[in-house]
Amino acid sequence: MADDGLILAARLAEAERKRMPLADLLAHADALSRNAASYMAAAVQDARTAGTGWAAVAEAAGVSVETARAKWNEQRVKRLLARRDRHWPSALQQADPPRGAPGALAQEQPLPGRTSSMEARLQLAAALTSLQRKSAVTLQEAAHQADLSPSYVSRVLAGSRLPTWPVVYMLATIFQGNAGDLKSLWERAHGACPPRRQSVAGAAARLQSALRGLYLAAGEPDLPCLVEGGRVSLTAETAREVLDGDLIPDWWTVEALVVRMGGDAAFIRPLWEDLHYVFLASRDVFPPGGLPRSGLPGTEPETRAGKPASSPSDV
């Protein structure tokens, strides 16, 4: 929760630096304020659990005992923290106001060609944030292990700084994640073009890594909730097989999954087309719905995405 405060503070500072509209500044400030209130409630709860009396809590907070009891009683704190747990992941990942929100139209319009790079940068930041929260490694610990400043790491996770690949690799590894899942997002954020016409196994691994990167950026939502709605029917089992690399999906399945994860299908399409091309070079027809990973020609167990990740120098 304290680390979340660092990220939110970095986002507020970045918004101020860019002189964003007042509505955006107030939205960032409000998110920071709500996080601080949750932190105070959790700190009081921890202190009370450790045996601290209400008089000591009131003295530390500079309020009366009656006010402390009313503000941080057990039931109220539980409701506050439960509400935060339900809504906080998406709020933390949302660096910009949604389309149609107050202030959204007043934002500076990006230059042509930069929209997808900025989107990928924010998704890369969200994916790293998801790994950090899951690992429980603090920003200070991560910065120390990576020999970086805590403020720089917080700006990377806030999306206000675009790191080099070695930094992404180090942070993902420190957060106990697979750096390879983030390679596609990093390349897109830098405007790099992925290599074309790879082997079947290599193309499949790159597609899976890109999809897993989007899943991390979405906060790793429960698959039954992820597949709800949408024009194209998609089951949780299919989504799980695709993300685990056990199923190479057809394009309609890929598009449906990408859209549900908040990604850009136009970015993923070339990766799928590369796989489709090399597959058709060895087969006549790509089966509807997809095919098992084991059915790919030339696939070896060690080539599966996640087995190893791209090395920090593999740029």
Protein backbone atom coordinates (compact mmCIF):
# COMPACT_ATOMS: atom_id res chain seq x y z
CA MET A 1 0.00 0.00 0.00
CA ALA A 2 2.91 2.33 0.73
CA ASP A 3 4.44 1.36 -2.62
CA ASP A 4 1.13 2.18 -4.32
CA GLY A 5 1.44 5.64 -2.82
CA LEU A 6 4.85 6.08 -4.45
CA ILE A 7 3.43 5.12 -7.84
CA LEU A 8 0.42 7.40 -7.49
CA ALA A 9 2.59 10.28 -6.31
CA ALA A 10 4.84 9.81 -9.34
CA ARG A 11 1.80 9.93 -11.61
CA LEU A 12 0.56 13.12 -9.98
CA ALA A 13 3.99 14.72 -10.37
CA GLU A 14 4.13 13.66 -14.02
CA ALA A 15 0.66 15.09 -14.65
CA GLU A 16 1.72 18.37 -13.06
CA ARG A 17 4.90 18.46 -15.16
CA LYS A 18 2.87 17.97 -18.35
CA ARG A 19 0.42 20.69 -17.21
CA MET A 20 -2.53 18.39 -17.71
CA PRO A 21 -6.10 19.71 -17.28
CA LEU A 22 -7.39 20.41 -13.78
CA ALA A 23 -9.80 17.46 -13.90
CA ASP A 24 -6.86 15.10 -14.49
CA LEU A 25 -4.77 16.64 -11.71
CA LEU A 26 -7.66 16.34 -9.26
CA ALA A 27 -8.27 12.72 -10.31
CA HIS A 28 -4.63 11.83 -9.61
CA ALA A 29 -4.72 13.72 -6.30
CA ASP A 30 -7.94 11.99 -5.29
CA ALA A 31 -6.46 8.55 -5.99
CA LEU A 32 -3.42 9.44 -3.89
CA SER A 33 -5.64 10.75 -1.08
CA ARG A 34 -7.80 7.61 -1.04
CA ASN A 35 -4.71 5.42 -0.93
CA ALA A 36 -3.38 7.45 2.03
CA ALA A 37 -6.68 7.02 3.88
CA SER A 38 -6.55 3.26 3.30
CA TYR A 39 -2.96 3.14 4.51
CA MET A 40 -3.84 5.01 7.71
CA ALA A 41 -6.74 2.66 8.39
CA ALA A 42 -4.56 -0.41 7.80
CA ALA A 43 -1.78 1.02 10.01
CA VAL A 44 -4.24 1.64 12.85
CA GLN A 45 -5.67 -1.86 12.43
CA ASP A 46 -2.17 -3.38 12.62
CA ALA A 47 -1.37 -1.32 15.70
CA ARG A 48 -4.60 -2.31 17.41
CA THR A 49 -3.94 -5.98 16.61
CA ALA A 50 -0.51 -5.62 18.19
CA GLY A 51 -2.16 -4.34 21.39
CA THR A 52 -1.97 -0.55 21.01
CA GLY A 53 -4.74 1.18 22.96
CA TRP A 54 -7.12 3.80 21.59
CA ALA A 55 -5.49 6.52 23.67
CA ALA A 56 -2.13 5.89 21.99
CA VAL A 57 -3.78 5.77 18.55
CA ALA A 58 -5.57 9.07 19.22
CA GLU A 59 -2.35 10.73 20.39
CA ALA A 60 -0.44 9.55 17.30
CA ALA A 61 -3.20 10.80 14.99
CA GLY A 62 -3.72 14.08 16.83
CA VAL A 63 -7.42 13.45 17.42
CA SER A 64 -9.63 12.64 20.37
CA VAL A 65 -10.15 9.06 21.52
CA GLU A 66 -13.82 9.27 20.48
CA THR A 67 -12.86 10.40 16.97
CA ALA A 68 -10.24 7.65 16.63
CA ARG A 69 -12.76 4.98 17.70
CA ALA A 70 -15.38 6.26 15.26
CA LYS A 71 -12.98 6.68 12.35
CA TRP A 72 -11.04 3.43 12.67
CA ASN A 73 -13.30 0.95 14.38
CA GLU A 74 -12.82 -2.63 13.22
CA GLN A 75 -15.94 -2.95 11.08
CA ARG A 76 -15.41 0.36 9.31
CA VAL A 77 -11.77 -0.46 8.54
CA LYS A 78 -12.74 -3.88 7.17
CA ARG A 79 -15.34 -2.32 4.85
CA LEU A 80 -12.84 0.31 3.67
CA LEU A 81 -10.10 -2.21 2.91
CA ALA A 82 -12.53 -4.64 1.26
CA ARG A 83 -13.79 -1.85 -1.00
CA ARG A 84 -10.21 -0.94 -1.86
CA ASP A 85 -9.35 -4.56 -2.73
CA ARG A 86 -12.32 -4.73 -5.09
CA HIS A 87 -11.60 -1.53 -6.98
CA TRP A 88 -7.94 -0.74 -6.52
CA PRO A 89 -6.15 -2.92 -9.15
CA SER A 90 -7.95 -1.31 -12.10
CA ALA A 91 -7.68 2.15 -10.54
CA LEU A 92 -3.94 1.74 -10.04
CA GLN A 93 -3.36 0.61 -13.61
CA GLN A 94 -5.42 3.41 -15.15
CA ALA A 95 -2.87 6.13 -15.78
CA ASP A 96 -5.20 8.31 -17.84
CA PRO A 97 -8.92 9.10 -17.49
CA PRO A 98 -11.21 6.86 -19.55
CA ARG A 99 -12.53 8.13 -22.83
CA GLY A 100 -15.53 10.34 -22.22
CA ALA A 101 -14.47 11.18 -18.65
CA PRO A 102 -14.18 14.85 -17.63
CA GLY A 103 -10.88 16.20 -18.88
CA ALA A 104 -10.27 13.31 -21.26
CA LEU A 105 -11.03 15.33 -24.39
CA ALA A 106 -8.96 18.23 -23.15
CA GLN A 107 -5.76 16.19 -22.98
CA GLU A 108 -2.97 17.02 -25.36
CA GLN A 109 -3.53 15.07 -28.54
CA PRO A 110 -0.65 12.66 -29.25
CA LEU A 111 1.38 13.03 -32.39
CA PRO A 112 0.54 10.61 -35.24
CA GLY A 113 2.22 7.26 -34.75
CA ARG A 114 2.81 7.76 -31.02
CA THR A 115 -0.54 6.53 -29.70
CA SER A 116 0.32 2.83 -29.85
CA SER A 117 3.77 3.39 -28.32
CA MET A 118 2.32 5.31 -25.38
CA GLU A 119 -0.38 2.68 -24.89
CA ALA A 120 2.29 -0.03 -24.86
CA ARG A 121 4.36 1.96 -22.35
CA LEU A 122 1.41 2.19 -19.97
CA GLN A 123 0.63 -1.52 -20.46
CA LEU A 124 4.29 -2.36 -19.77
CA ALA A 125 4.11 -0.30 -16.57
CA ALA A 126 0.85 -2.01 -15.59
CA ALA A 127 2.35 -5.46 -16.23
CA LEU A 128 5.38 -4.68 -14.05
CA THR A 129 3.07 -3.30 -11.37
CA SER A 130 1.02 -6.51 -11.48
CA LEU A 131 4.17 -8.60 -11.01
CA GLN A 132 5.36 -6.35 -8.18
CA ARG A 133 2.10 -6.57 -6.28
CA LYS A 134 1.96 -10.34 -6.73
CA SER A 135 5.56 -10.80 -5.53
CA ALA A 136 5.20 -8.58 -2.44
CA VAL A 137 8.70 -7.20 -3.14
CA THR A 138 8.73 -3.52 -2.16
CA LEU A 139 9.91 -0.82 -4.53
CA GLN A 140 12.81 -0.05 -2.19
CA GLU A 141 13.90 -3.70 -2.19
CA ALA A 142 13.61 -3.93 -5.97
CA ALA A 143 15.56 -0.71 -6.47
CA HIS A 144 18.32 -1.94 -4.15
CA GLN A 145 18.61 -5.29 -5.96
CA ALA A 146 18.60 -3.64 -9.40
CA ASP A 147 21.00 -0.87 -8.28
CA LEU A 148 18.46 1.79 -9.25
CA SER A 149 16.92 4.66 -7.31
CA PRO A 150 13.49 4.01 -5.74
CA SER A 151 12.15 7.15 -7.42
CA TYR A 152 13.20 5.86 -10.86
CA VAL A 153 11.57 2.47 -10.25
CA SER A 154 8.37 4.18 -9.11
CA ARG A 155 8.34 6.29 -12.29
CA VAL A 156 8.84 3.16 -14.42
CA LEU A 157 5.89 1.47 -12.70
CA ALA A 158 3.86 4.66 -13.10
CA GLY A 159 4.51 4.67 -16.85
CA SER A 160 6.26 8.06 -16.82
CA ARG A 161 9.66 6.57 -17.72
CA LEU A 162 10.40 4.10 -20.51
CA PRO A 163 13.16 1.73 -19.31
CA THR A 164 15.75 -0.13 -21.34
CA TRP A 165 15.31 -3.86 -21.85
CA PRO A 166 17.96 -4.80 -19.22
CA VAL A 167 16.00 -2.79 -16.63
CA VAL A 168 12.73 -4.47 -17.60
CA TYR A 169 14.45 -7.86 -17.45
CA MET A 170 15.93 -7.16 -13.99
CA LEU A 171 12.69 -5.86 -12.52
CA ALA A 172 10.59 -8.70 -13.94
CA THR A 173 13.08 -11.22 -12.55
CA ILE A 174 13.20 -9.51 -9.14
CA PHE A 175 9.40 -9.57 -9.10
CA GLN A 176 9.58 -13.34 -9.80
CA GLY A 177 7.99 -13.02 -13.23
CA ASN A 178 8.94 -14.12 -16.74
CA ALA A 179 10.65 -11.24 -18.53
CA GLY A 180 9.85 -12.81 -21.90
CA ASP A 181 6.16 -12.06 -21.34
CA LEU A 182 7.00 -8.35 -21.40
CA LYS A 183 9.32 -8.33 -24.41
CA SER A 184 6.59 -7.63 -26.96
CA LEU A 185 5.19 -4.71 -24.92
CA TRP A 186 8.69 -3.27 -24.50
CA GLU A 187 9.42 -3.54 -28.23
CA ARG A 188 6.15 -1.85 -29.11
CA ALA A 189 6.75 0.92 -26.54
CA HIS A 190 10.11 1.62 -28.23
CA GLY A 191 8.58 1.46 -31.70
CA ALA A 192 10.68 -1.58 -32.61
CA CYS A 193 9.51 -4.07 -35.21
CA PRO A 194 9.65 -7.76 -34.19
CA PRO A 195 11.64 -10.10 -36.45
CA ARG A 196 9.56 -11.51 -39.27
CA ARG A 197 9.29 -15.01 -40.70
CA GLN A 198 10.54 -16.99 -37.74
CA SER A 199 10.26 -20.71 -37.16
CA VAL A 200 6.82 -22.05 -36.25
CA ALA A 201 7.87 -22.60 -32.64
CA GLY A 202 9.46 -19.15 -32.41
CA ALA A 203 6.40 -17.41 -33.85
CA ALA A 204 4.13 -19.32 -31.46
CA ALA A 205 6.31 -18.39 -28.48
CA ARG A 206 6.29 -14.70 -29.45
CA LEU A 207 2.50 -14.67 -29.83
CA GLN A 208 1.99 -16.36 -26.47
CA SER A 209 4.41 -13.97 -24.75
CA ALA A 210 2.56 -10.98 -26.21
CA LEU A 211 -0.78 -12.33 -24.97
CA ARG A 212 0.61 -13.08 -21.52
CA GLY A 213 2.06 -9.57 -21.37
CA LEU A 214 -1.40 -8.12 -22.04
CA TYR A 215 -2.86 -10.42 -19.37
CA LEU A 216 -0.35 -9.10 -16.84
CA ALA A 217 -1.12 -5.53 -17.89
CA ALA A 218 -4.82 -6.23 -17.29
CA GLY A 219 -4.00 -7.24 -13.70
CA GLU A 220 -4.34 -11.01 -14.24
CA PRO A 221 -8.15 -11.04 -13.87
CA ASP A 222 -10.03 -14.25 -13.11
CA LEU A 223 -10.58 -16.00 -16.42
CA PRO A 224 -14.34 -16.68 -15.92
CA CYS A 225 -14.82 -12.92 -15.43
CA LEU A 226 -12.49 -12.07 -18.31
CA VAL A 227 -14.40 -14.06 -20.91
CA GLU A 228 -17.85 -12.72 -20.02
CA GLY A 229 -19.66 -10.72 -22.70
CA GLY A 230 -18.23 -9.83 -26.07
CA ARG A 231 -19.47 -10.53 -29.58
CA VAL A 232 -17.35 -13.69 -29.96
CA SER A 233 -18.00 -16.54 -27.53
CA LEU A 234 -14.95 -17.42 -25.47
CA THR A 235 -14.64 -19.92 -22.61
CA ALA A 236 -12.39 -19.69 -19.57
CA GLU A 237 -10.85 -23.04 -20.48
CA THR A 238 -9.91 -21.80 -23.97
CA ALA A 239 -8.41 -18.60 -22.51
CA ARG A 240 -6.41 -20.66 -20.02
CA GLU A 241 -5.08 -22.98 -22.73
CA VAL A 242 -4.05 -20.02 -24.89
CA LEU A 243 -2.29 -18.17 -22.06
CA ASP A 244 -0.57 -21.36 -20.89
CA GLY A 245 0.62 -22.05 -24.42
CA ASP A 246 -1.28 -25.32 -24.80
CA LEU A 247 -3.47 -24.02 -27.63
CA ILE A 248 -2.53 -22.02 -30.71
CA PRO A 249 -5.78 -20.11 -31.37
CA ASP A 250 -7.32 -18.97 -34.62
CA TRP A 251 -7.50 -15.24 -35.25
CA TRP A 252 -11.07 -14.79 -34.01
CA THR A 253 -10.14 -16.32 -30.67
CA VAL A 254 -7.02 -14.16 -30.45
CA GLU A 255 -8.95 -10.99 -31.26
CA ALA A 256 -11.69 -11.78 -28.72
CA LEU A 257 -9.12 -12.43 -25.99
CA VAL A 258 -7.07 -9.32 -26.78
CA VAL A 259 -10.12 -7.05 -26.74
CA ARG A 260 -11.26 -8.48 -23.40
CA MET A 261 -7.78 -7.77 -21.96
CA GLY A 262 -7.95 -4.15 -23.12
CA GLY A 263 -5.27 -4.61 -25.79
CA ASP A 264 -4.94 -3.46 -29.37
CA ALA A 265 -5.85 -6.26 -31.78
CA ALA A 266 -4.11 -4.41 -34.62
CA PHE A 267 -0.81 -4.76 -32.78
CA ILE A 268 -1.25 -8.48 -32.15
CA ARG A 269 -2.44 -9.24 -35.69
CA PRO A 270 1.06 -9.21 -37.31
CA LEU A 271 2.31 -11.68 -34.70
CA TRP A 272 -0.55 -14.05 -35.46
CA GLU A 273 -0.08 -13.59 -39.21
CA ASP A 274 3.60 -14.52 -38.87
CA LEU A 275 2.58 -17.73 -37.12
CA HIS A 276 -0.14 -18.37 -39.68
CA TYR A 277 2.30 -17.87 -42.56
CA VAL A 278 4.99 -20.23 -41.28
CA PHE A 279 2.34 -22.77 -40.35
CA LEU A 280 0.79 -22.75 -43.81
CA ALA A 281 4.25 -23.23 -45.26
CA SER A 282 4.22 -26.68 -43.69
CA ARG A 283 0.46 -27.43 -43.59
CA ASP A 284 -2.46 -26.90 -45.95
CA VAL A 285 -5.08 -25.40 -43.62
CA PHE A 286 -5.07 -23.71 -40.22
CA PRO A 287 -7.86 -25.52 -38.33
CA PRO A 288 -10.84 -23.47 -37.12
CA GLY A 289 -10.66 -22.73 -33.39
CA GLY A 290 -6.91 -23.40 -33.24
CA LEU A 291 -4.71 -26.41 -32.69
CA PRO A 292 -2.80 -27.95 -29.77
CA ARG A 293 0.71 -26.58 -29.24
CA SER A 294 2.03 -30.13 -29.60
CA GLY A 295 0.68 -30.15 -33.18
CA LEU A 296 3.12 -27.49 -34.37
CA PRO A 297 5.84 -28.83 -36.66
CA GLY A 298 9.30 -28.48 -35.17
CA THR A 299 8.06 -27.64 -31.70
CA GLU A 300 10.43 -28.68 -28.94
CA PRO A 301 9.60 -28.58 -25.22
CA GLU A 302 12.35 -26.09 -24.42
CA THR A 303 11.09 -23.56 -27.02
CA ARG A 304 7.82 -22.90 -25.23
CA ALA A 305 7.34 -19.33 -24.07
CA GLY A 306 8.17 -19.02 -20.42
CA LYS A 307 10.80 -21.74 -20.53
CA PRO A 308 13.34 -19.59 -20.76
CA ALA A 309 12.72 -15.85 -20.95
CA SER A 310 14.61 -13.56 -23.28
CA SER A 311 17.97 -12.65 -21.85
CA PRO A 312 18.65 -9.07 -20.75
CA SER A 313 20.98 -8.55 -23.71
CA ASP A 314 18.54 -10.03 -26.25
CA VAL A 315 17.33 -6.81 -27.83
